[in-house]
Amino acid sequence: MKRLQSFFESYAFGVCAHLGDKLGLDSSSIRLSFVYASFITFGSPVIIYLGMVFVMNIRKHLRQRKYSVWNY
């Protein structure tokens, strides 16, 4: 079960794990709330999730770019 969970976490962009770390909650409970909200609202949390993935990737890119100047 842990192997399957780590597989999905590595390919799910880590949004739920990041939110869990920031909020001090378990990532599985956040993931379940996304799933339940998606069923109730016909998929609109998926758009929010993808937006958060985009923001996380942009922030990561900007952080790497900031420190990569000294590597040259």
Protein backbone atom coordinates (compact mmCIF):
# COMPACT_ATOMS: atom_id res chain seq x y z
CA MET A 1 0.00 0.00 0.00
CA LYS A 2 2.84 2.42 0.85
CA ARG A 3 4.52 1.68 -2.48
CA LEU A 4 1.35 2.54 -4.38
CA GLN A 5 0.87 5.70 -2.32
CA SER A 6 4.44 6.88 -2.92
CA PHE A 7 3.99 6.23 -6.67
CA PHE A 8 0.93 8.46 -6.83
CA GLU A 9 2.51 11.13 -4.63
CA SER A 10 5.55 11.35 -6.88
CA TYR A 11 3.39 11.78 -9.98
CA ALA A 12 0.75 14.05 -8.41
CA PHE A 13 3.11 17.05 -8.31
CA GLY A 14 3.26 17.02 -4.51
CA VAL A 15 0.57 19.66 -4.02
CA CYS A 16 -1.23 17.78 -1.26
CA ALA A 17 2.03 16.97 0.53
CA HIS A 18 3.13 20.61 0.31
CA LEU A 19 -0.21 21.83 1.65
CA GLY A 20 -0.04 19.24 4.41
CA ASP A 21 3.41 20.45 5.44
CA LYS A 22 2.33 24.10 5.41
CA LEU A 23 -0.92 23.52 7.30
CA GLY A 24 0.32 20.76 9.61
CA LEU A 25 -2.21 18.22 8.31
CA ASP A 26 -1.90 14.74 6.89
CA SER A 27 -1.60 14.79 3.10
CA SER A 28 -4.00 11.86 2.73
CA SER A 29 -6.81 13.83 4.40
CA ILE A 30 -6.19 16.76 2.05
CA ARG A 31 -6.17 14.39 -0.92
CA LEU A 32 -9.48 12.86 0.19
CA SER A 33 -11.05 16.29 0.54
CA PHE A 34 -10.00 17.11 -3.04
CA VAL A 35 -11.56 13.87 -4.27
CA TYR A 36 -14.82 14.43 -2.38
CA ALA A 37 -15.03 18.04 -3.48
CA SER A 38 -14.43 16.99 -7.09
CA PHE A 39 -17.35 14.56 -6.96
CA ILE A 40 -19.65 17.06 -5.29
CA THR A 41 -18.82 20.03 -7.53
CA PHE A 42 -18.32 18.13 -10.80
CA GLY A 43 -14.55 18.61 -11.07
CA SER A 44 -13.95 22.28 -10.28
CA PRO A 45 -11.33 21.49 -7.55
CA VAL A 46 -9.27 19.83 -10.27
CA ILE A 47 -8.87 23.27 -11.84
CA ILE A 48 -7.80 24.69 -8.46
CA TYR A 49 -5.35 21.80 -8.03
CA LEU A 50 -3.79 22.41 -11.43
CA GLY A 51 -3.56 26.12 -10.65
CA MET A 52 -1.69 25.32 -7.44
CA VAL A 53 0.65 23.03 -9.40
CA PHE A 54 1.36 25.90 -11.78
CA VAL A 55 2.08 28.33 -8.93
CA MET A 56 4.35 25.82 -7.15
CA ASN A 57 6.34 25.19 -10.32
CA ILE A 58 6.72 28.90 -11.03
CA ARG A 59 7.91 29.56 -7.46
CA LYS A 60 10.38 26.68 -7.66
CA HIS A 61 11.68 27.97 -10.98
CA LEU A 62 12.14 31.48 -9.61
CA ARG A 63 14.00 30.20 -6.55
CA GLN A 64 16.36 28.13 -8.69
CA ARG A 65 16.92 31.01 -11.06
CA LYS A 66 17.77 33.31 -8.18
CA TYR A 67 20.60 31.12 -6.91
CA SER A 68 21.84 29.86 -10.28
CA VAL A 69 23.47 33.21 -11.05
CA TRP A 70 26.29 32.38 -8.63
CA ASN A 71 26.93 29.03 -10.30
CA TYR A 72 28.35 30.61 -13.47
